[in-house]
Amino acid sequence: MNEVKPHRAWAERTLQRAEVFGVANEDIGFVELLAAGLPD
């Protein structure tokens, strides 16, 4: 591999994707995710 710090570049892209697409916090469960999608 010729790329400098390939893992860092991968990690930065992964963090950017997480910010764009959204990632649930550790304390949020599946039920809360489903409930958030329901209309009020």
PDB file of N, CA and C in Angstrom:
ATOM      1  N   MET A   1       0.846  -1.190   0.000  1.00  0.00           N
ATOM      2  CA  MET A   1       0.000   0.000   0.000  1.00  0.00           C
ATOM      3  C   MET A   1       0.886   1.247   0.000  1.00  0.00           C
ATOM      4  N   ASN A   2       0.629   2.126  -0.905  1.00  0.00           N
ATOM      5  CA  ASN A   2       1.440   3.329  -1.020  1.00  0.00           C
ATOM      6  C   ASN A   2       0.825   4.526  -0.317  1.00  0.00           C
ATOM      7  N   GLU A   3      -0.410   4.408   0.071  1.00  0.00           N
ATOM      8  CA  GLU A   3      -1.099   5.530   0.694  1.00  0.00           C
ATOM      9  C   GLU A   3      -0.560   5.763   2.105  1.00  0.00           C
ATOM     10  N   VAL A   4      -0.354   7.021   2.443  1.00  0.00           N
ATOM     11  CA  VAL A   4       0.116   7.376   3.770  1.00  0.00           C
ATOM     12  C   VAL A   4      -1.052   7.312   4.744  1.00  0.00           C
ATOM     13  N   LYS A   5      -0.866   6.617   5.837  1.00  0.00           N
ATOM     14  CA  LYS A   5      -1.877   6.483   6.893  1.00  0.00           C
ATOM     15  C   LYS A   5      -3.244   6.069   6.333  1.00  0.00           C
ATOM     16  N   PRO A   6      -3.338   4.913   5.690  1.00  0.00           N
ATOM     17  CA  PRO A   6      -4.602   4.504   5.064  1.00  0.00           C
ATOM     18  C   PRO A   6      -5.729   4.323   6.074  1.00  0.00           C
ATOM     19  N   HIS A   7      -5.393   3.880   7.269  1.00  0.00           N
ATOM     20  CA  HIS A   7      -6.438   3.669   8.263  1.00  0.00           C
ATOM     21  C   HIS A   7      -7.028   4.990   8.746  1.00  0.00           C
ATOM     22  N   ARG A   8      -6.205   5.999   8.835  1.00  0.00           N
ATOM     23  CA  ARG A   8      -6.698   7.314   9.258  1.00  0.00           C
ATOM     24  C   ARG A   8      -7.667   7.878   8.221  1.00  0.00           C
ATOM     25  N   ALA A   9      -7.310   7.737   6.952  1.00  0.00           N
ATOM     26  CA  ALA A   9      -8.184   8.227   5.883  1.00  0.00           C
ATOM     27  C   ALA A   9      -9.514   7.482   5.915  1.00  0.00           C
ATOM     28  N   TRP A  10      -9.458   6.160   6.126  1.00  0.00           N
ATOM     29  CA  TRP A  10     -10.688   5.358   6.212  1.00  0.00           C
ATOM     30  C   TRP A  10     -11.536   5.821   7.391  1.00  0.00           C
ATOM     31  N   ALA A  11     -10.899   6.044   8.544  1.00  0.00           N
ATOM     32  CA  ALA A  11     -11.631   6.461   9.739  1.00  0.00           C
ATOM     33  C   ALA A  11     -12.274   7.827   9.540  1.00  0.00           C
ATOM     34  N   GLU A  12     -11.578   8.734   8.898  1.00  0.00           N
ATOM     35  CA  GLU A  12     -12.141  10.065   8.655  1.00  0.00           C
ATOM     36  C   GLU A  12     -13.342   9.986   7.721  1.00  0.00           C
ATOM     37  N   ARG A  13     -13.270   9.152   6.679  1.00  0.00           N
ATOM     38  CA  ARG A  13     -14.418   8.979   5.777  1.00  0.00           C
ATOM     39  C   ARG A  13     -15.596   8.350   6.515  1.00  0.00           C
ATOM     40  N   THR A  14     -15.301   7.400   7.393  1.00  0.00           N
ATOM     41  CA  THR A  14     -16.357   6.747   8.165  1.00  0.00           C
ATOM     42  C   THR A  14     -17.040   7.748   9.090  1.00  0.00           C
ATOM     43  N   LEU A  15     -16.281   8.602   9.743  1.00  0.00           N
ATOM     44  CA  LEU A  15     -16.862   9.621  10.616  1.00  0.00           C
ATOM     45  C   LEU A  15     -17.701  10.619   9.821  1.00  0.00           C
ATOM     46  N   GLN A  16     -17.255  10.980   8.634  1.00  0.00           N
ATOM     47  CA  GLN A  16     -18.032  11.888   7.789  1.00  0.00           C
ATOM     48  C   GLN A  16     -19.356  11.250   7.391  1.00  0.00           C
ATOM     49  N   ARG A  17     -19.324   9.976   7.030  1.00  0.00           N
ATOM     50  CA  ARG A  17     -20.563   9.278   6.666  1.00  0.00           C
ATOM     51  C   ARG A  17     -21.505   9.180   7.854  1.00  0.00           C
ATOM     52  N   ALA A  18     -20.964   8.918   9.030  1.00  0.00           N
ATOM     53  CA  ALA A  18     -21.791   8.823  10.230  1.00  0.00           C
ATOM     54  C   ALA A  18     -22.479  10.154  10.504  1.00  0.00           C
ATOM     55  N   GLU A  19     -21.767  11.247  10.288  1.00  0.00           N
ATOM     56  CA  GLU A  19     -22.352  12.569  10.514  1.00  0.00           C
ATOM     57  C   GLU A  19     -23.454  12.863   9.501  1.00  0.00           C
ATOM     58  N   VAL A  20     -23.238  12.486   8.251  1.00  0.00           N
ATOM     59  CA  VAL A  20     -24.209  12.757   7.191  1.00  0.00           C
ATOM     60  C   VAL A  20     -25.456  11.897   7.340  1.00  0.00           C
ATOM     61  N   PHE A  21     -25.259  10.604   7.538  1.00  0.00           N
ATOM     62  CA  PHE A  21     -26.387   9.679   7.560  1.00  0.00           C
ATOM     63  C   PHE A  21     -27.019   9.534   8.935  1.00  0.00           C
ATOM     64  N   GLY A  22     -26.316   9.925   9.965  1.00  0.00           N
ATOM     65  CA  GLY A  22     -26.837   9.820  11.320  1.00  0.00           C
ATOM     66  C   GLY A  22     -26.555   8.460  11.929  1.00  0.00           C
ATOM     67  N   VAL A  23     -26.143   8.489  13.161  1.00  0.00           N
ATOM     68  CA  VAL A  23     -25.835   7.271  13.902  1.00  0.00           C
ATOM     69  C   VAL A  23     -26.483   7.405  15.266  1.00  0.00           C
ATOM     70  N   ALA A  24     -27.133   6.351  15.722  1.00  0.00           N
ATOM     71  CA  ALA A  24     -27.790   6.378  17.025  1.00  0.00           C
ATOM     72  C   ALA A  24     -26.746   6.348  18.139  1.00  0.00           C
ATOM     73  N   ASN A  25     -27.032   7.040  19.221  1.00  0.00           N
ATOM     74  CA  ASN A  25     -26.169   6.991  20.393  1.00  0.00           C
ATOM     75  C   ASN A  25     -26.216   5.614  21.026  1.00  0.00           C
ATOM     76  N   GLU A  26     -25.229   5.298  21.831  1.00  0.00           N
ATOM     77  CA  GLU A  26     -25.150   3.985  22.463  1.00  0.00           C
ATOM     78  C   GLU A  26     -26.360   3.692  23.340  1.00  0.00           C
ATOM     79  N   ASP A  27     -26.909   4.712  23.976  1.00  0.00           N
ATOM     80  CA  ASP A  27     -28.012   4.486  24.915  1.00  0.00           C
ATOM     81  C   ASP A  27     -29.383   4.458  24.226  1.00  0.00           C
ATOM     82  N   ILE A  28     -29.412   4.579  22.910  1.00  0.00           N
ATOM     83  CA  ILE A  28     -30.667   4.524  22.161  1.00  0.00           C
ATOM     84  C   ILE A  28     -30.871   3.102  21.642  1.00  0.00           C
ATOM     85  N   GLY A  29     -32.022   2.533  21.958  1.00  0.00           N
ATOM     86  CA  GLY A  29     -32.313   1.171  21.538  1.00  0.00           C
ATOM     87  C   GLY A  29     -33.164   1.126  20.283  1.00  0.00           C
ATOM     88  N   PHE A  30     -33.418  -0.087  19.828  1.00  0.00           N
ATOM     89  CA  PHE A  30     -34.185  -0.302  18.604  1.00  0.00           C
ATOM     90  C   PHE A  30     -35.604   0.235  18.735  1.00  0.00           C
ATOM     91  N   VAL A  31     -36.209   0.060  19.911  1.00  0.00           N
ATOM     92  CA  VAL A  31     -37.583   0.519  20.136  1.00  0.00           C
ATOM     93  C   VAL A  31     -37.652   2.041  20.027  1.00  0.00           C
ATOM     94  N   GLU A  32     -36.676   2.731  20.578  1.00  0.00           N
ATOM     95  CA  GLU A  32     -36.654   4.198  20.491  1.00  0.00           C
ATOM     96  C   GLU A  32     -36.493   4.663  19.042  1.00  0.00           C
ATOM     97  N   LEU A  33     -35.688   3.941  18.275  1.00  0.00           N
ATOM     98  CA  LEU A  33     -35.526   4.304  16.864  1.00  0.00           C
ATOM     99  C   LEU A  33     -36.835   4.144  16.100  1.00  0.00           C
ATOM    100  N   LEU A  34     -37.540   3.046  16.367  1.00  0.00           N
ATOM    101  CA  LEU A  34     -38.829   2.836  15.703  1.00  0.00           C
ATOM    102  C   LEU A  34     -39.845   3.891  16.134  1.00  0.00           C
ATOM    103  N   ALA A  35     -39.879   4.199  17.415  1.00  0.00           N
ATOM    104  CA  ALA A  35     -40.825   5.184  17.934  1.00  0.00           C
ATOM    105  C   ALA A  35     -40.546   6.570  17.352  1.00  0.00           C
ATOM    106  N   ALA A  36     -39.297   6.888  17.107  1.00  0.00           N
ATOM    107  CA  ALA A  36     -38.949   8.200  16.557  1.00  0.00           C
ATOM    108  C   ALA A  36     -39.493   8.370  15.144  1.00  0.00           C
ATOM    109  N   GLY A  37     -39.707   7.280  14.425  1.00  0.00           N
ATOM    110  CA  GLY A  37     -40.219   7.355  13.066  1.00  0.00           C
ATOM    111  C   GLY A  37     -41.729   7.436  12.975  1.00  0.00           C
ATOM    112  N   LEU A  38     -42.417   7.279  14.103  1.00  0.00           N
ATOM    113  CA  LEU A  38     -43.880   7.331  14.098  1.00  0.00           C
ATOM    114  C   LEU A  38     -44.367   8.772  14.141  1.00  0.00           C
ATOM    115  N   PRO A  39     -45.475   9.069  13.467  1.00  0.00           N
ATOM    116  CA  PRO A  39     -46.029  10.429  13.546  1.00  0.00           C
ATOM    117  C   PRO A  39     -46.564  10.698  14.950  1.00  0.00           C
ATOM    118  N   ASP A  40     -46.509  11.936  15.340  1.00  0.00           N
ATOM    119  CA  ASP A  40     -46.992  12.321  16.689  1.00  0.00           C
ATOM    120  C   ASP A  40     -48.482  12.350  16.786  1.00  0.00           C
TER     121      ASP A  40
END
